Protein backbone atom coordinates (compact mmCIF):
# COMPACT_ATOMS: atom_id res chain seq x y z
CA MET A 1 -5.51 1.94 -10.93
CA ILE A 2 -4.36 1.61 -7.31
CA LEU A 3 -1.08 -0.14 -6.50
CA LEU A 4 -0.32 -1.24 -2.96
CA ASP A 5 3.13 -1.54 -1.48
CA ALA A 6 3.84 -4.34 0.98
CA ASP A 7 3.99 -1.98 3.97
CA VAL A 8 0.46 -0.64 3.44
CA LEU A 9 -0.98 -4.03 2.57
CA SER A 10 0.53 -5.73 5.60
CA ALA A 11 -0.33 -2.88 8.00
CA PHE A 12 -4.02 -3.04 7.13
CA ALA A 13 -4.02 -6.84 7.10
CA LYS A 14 -2.43 -7.00 10.57
CA VAL A 15 -5.35 -5.01 11.99
CA SER A 16 -7.94 -6.83 9.81
CA LYS A 17 -8.94 -3.60 8.04
CA LEU A 18 -8.25 -4.41 4.39
CA SER A 19 -11.98 -4.04 3.80
CA LEU A 20 -11.64 -0.31 4.49
CA LEU A 21 -9.27 0.05 1.54
CA TYR A 22 -11.83 -1.63 -0.68
CA LYS A 23 -14.55 0.71 0.54
CA LEU A 24 -12.38 3.79 0.02
CA PHE A 25 -11.29 2.72 -3.45
CA SER A 26 -14.54 1.04 -4.48
CA GLN A 27 -14.37 2.57 -7.96
CA HIS A 28 -10.91 1.08 -8.59
CA PHE A 29 -9.30 -2.31 -8.69
CA LEU A 30 -6.40 -2.96 -6.31
CA TYR A 31 -3.11 -4.32 -7.66
CA ILE A 32 0.34 -5.28 -6.48
CA SER A 33 3.60 -5.89 -8.31
CA PRO A 34 5.39 -9.27 -8.50
CA ALA A 35 8.05 -8.17 -5.97
CA VAL A 36 5.34 -7.17 -3.47
CA LEU A 37 3.72 -10.58 -3.97
CA ALA A 38 7.09 -12.25 -3.32
CA LYS A 39 7.53 -10.26 -0.10
CA ILE A 40 4.06 -11.26 1.12
CA LYS A 41 4.77 -14.88 0.15
CA VAL A 42 7.85 -14.86 2.42
CA SER A 43 5.60 -13.76 5.30
CA LEU A 44 3.10 -16.48 4.41
CA ASP A 45 5.87 -19.10 4.38
CA LYS A 46 6.90 -17.91 7.85
CA GLY A 47 3.34 -18.55 9.06
CA HIS A 48 2.24 -14.94 9.58
CA ASN A 49 -1.55 -14.77 9.78
CA PHE A 50 -1.83 -11.38 8.10
CA ALA A 51 -0.30 -12.87 4.92
CA ARG A 52 -3.06 -15.49 4.79
CA GLU A 53 -5.65 -12.72 4.76
CA ILE A 54 -3.87 -11.10 1.82
CA PHE A 55 -3.66 -14.36 -0.14
CA GLU A 56 -7.39 -14.89 0.41
CA LEU A 57 -7.92 -11.72 -1.62
CA PHE A 58 -6.21 -13.42 -4.57
CA GLU A 59 -8.44 -16.45 -4.22
CA LYS A 60 -11.49 -14.19 -4.25
CA GLY A 61 -10.18 -12.27 -7.27
CA GLN A 62 -10.08 -9.01 -5.30
CA LEU A 63 -6.35 -8.42 -5.68
CA LYS A 64 -4.29 -8.95 -8.83
CA VAL A 65 -0.63 -8.87 -9.75
CA LEU A 66 0.49 -6.59 -12.58
CA VAL A 67 3.43 -8.11 -14.41
CA LEU A 68 5.96 -5.68 -15.82
CA ASN A 69 6.45 -5.56 -19.56
CA LYS A 70 9.87 -5.32 -21.20
CA LYS A 71 9.94 -1.51 -21.28
CA GLU A 72 8.88 -1.31 -17.62
CA LYS A 73 11.62 -3.77 -16.63
CA GLN A 74 14.18 -1.60 -18.39
CA GLU A 75 12.83 1.55 -16.73
CA LYS A 76 12.97 -0.16 -13.33
CA GLU A 77 16.72 -0.68 -13.71
CA GLU A 78 17.17 3.09 -14.01
CA LEU A 79 15.61 3.83 -10.62
CA PRO A 80 17.71 4.68 -7.54
CA VAL A 81 19.26 1.80 -5.62
CA TYR A 82 17.81 3.08 -2.32
CA LEU A 83 14.38 1.92 -3.47
CA GLY A 84 13.32 -1.67 -2.84
CA GLU A 85 12.30 -4.01 -5.65
CA GLY A 86 8.57 -3.71 -4.91
CA GLU A 87 8.85 0.05 -4.66
CA LYS A 88 10.65 0.23 -8.01
CA GLU A 89 8.10 -1.99 -9.72
CA ASN A 90 5.18 -0.02 -8.30
CA ILE A 91 6.71 3.30 -9.31
CA VAL A 92 7.38 2.13 -12.86
CA ILE A 93 3.88 0.72 -13.25
CA CYS A 94 2.29 3.93 -11.94
CA LYS A 95 4.50 6.06 -14.18
CA MET A 96 3.96 4.04 -17.35
CA ARG A 97 0.31 3.08 -16.90
CA GLY A 98 -0.98 5.91 -14.76
CA GLY A 99 -1.85 4.89 -11.25
CA VAL A 100 -1.87 5.87 -7.61
CA LEU A 101 0.65 4.29 -5.28
CA LEU A 102 -0.14 3.47 -1.66
CA SER A 103 3.15 3.30 0.24
CA ASN A 104 4.09 4.31 3.73
CA GLU A 105 7.73 5.03 2.92
CA LYS A 106 8.75 8.68 3.04
CA LYS A 107 11.49 8.06 0.48
CA VAL A 108 8.92 6.63 -1.94
CA GLU A 109 6.60 9.59 -1.42
CA GLN A 110 9.45 12.02 -2.07
CA PHE A 111 10.57 10.18 -5.21
CA CYS A 112 6.99 10.07 -6.48
CA LYS A 113 6.70 13.84 -6.06
CA THR A 114 9.69 14.34 -8.35
CA THR A 115 8.15 12.11 -11.01
CA LYS A 116 4.58 13.43 -10.67
CA ILE A 117 3.16 10.12 -9.38
CA THR A 118 0.42 10.33 -6.77
CA CYS A 119 1.55 8.54 -3.63
CA LEU A 120 -0.60 8.22 -0.51
CA ARG A 121 0.89 7.29 2.82
CA ILE A 122 -1.09 5.71 5.67
CA PRO A 123 -1.97 8.99 7.46
CA ALA A 124 -3.50 10.35 4.23
CA ILE A 125 -5.40 7.11 3.69
CA LEU A 126 -6.73 7.16 7.25
CA ARG A 127 -7.81 10.77 6.86
CA ALA A 128 -9.61 9.91 3.64
CA PHE A 129 -11.55 7.17 5.45
CA TRP A 130 -13.42 9.65 7.59
CA GLU A 131 -13.46 12.51 5.09
CA VAL A 132 -15.40 10.43 2.56
CA GLY A 133 -17.45 8.65 5.22
CA VAL A 134 -15.99 5.14 5.14
CA VAL A 135 -15.73 5.30 8.94
CA ASN A 136 -15.99 8.05 11.54
CA ILE A 137 -13.04 9.77 13.21
CA ASP A 138 -13.29 7.62 16.35
CA GLU A 139 -12.99 4.47 14.26
CA VAL A 140 -9.94 5.96 12.52
CA ARG A 141 -8.39 6.62 15.92
CA ASN A 142 -9.04 2.97 16.82
CA VAL A 143 -7.28 1.84 13.64
CA VAL A 144 -4.31 4.06 14.54
CA GLU A 145 -4.10 2.49 18.00
CA GLU A 146 -4.33 -1.02 16.54
CA MET A 147 -1.57 -0.25 14.03
CA LYS A 148 0.61 1.07 16.83
CA GLU A 149 0.04 -2.11 18.81
CA LYS A 150 -0.05 -4.85 16.17
CA ASP A 151 2.31 -3.40 13.54
CA ARG A 152 4.46 -1.32 15.91
CA MET A 153 3.78 1.58 13.59
CA GLY A 154 4.80 5.01 14.72
CA PHE A 155 2.84 8.14 13.93
CA THR A 156 4.41 11.56 14.29
CA GLU A 157 2.48 14.26 16.09
CA ARG A 158 2.26 16.09 12.78
CA ALA A 159 0.76 13.03 11.05
CA LEU A 160 -1.79 12.61 13.85
CA LYS A 161 -2.78 16.27 13.62
CA GLU A 162 -3.22 15.99 9.84
CA MET A 163 -5.66 13.10 10.29
């Protein structure tokens, strides 16, 4: 099970590269939590085009929302306050049901390490694209440039070298 945080979902949607995630994770279904859906809905209500692309995935049945059960809701309340609602929901779902979290937040990655949840940030995802042959390294570099331009995403020199 692969859970996407709003930052990863929106970054790939802004550069029209959500299809690459589906190619990379072709053996898995992609999910989001209710709080991530709510965050994307706010962007849709504001008229952001990238949010329309994400909602089209729901219409096609390619993206589903995992609703938290009672135990997961209780567990969520125990998580640190520095985590956002979507991050908390994703972490709890991954912990309780066993999943991989795609988030670009360093704080989420660090928390996931302490709880033994696999968390992949965008540089690791981009690297995986060319390592498994989804696209070549030049295409990955193009995606990086588009993310810098369209999502104002910053990449550290270390992250670029690791790609």
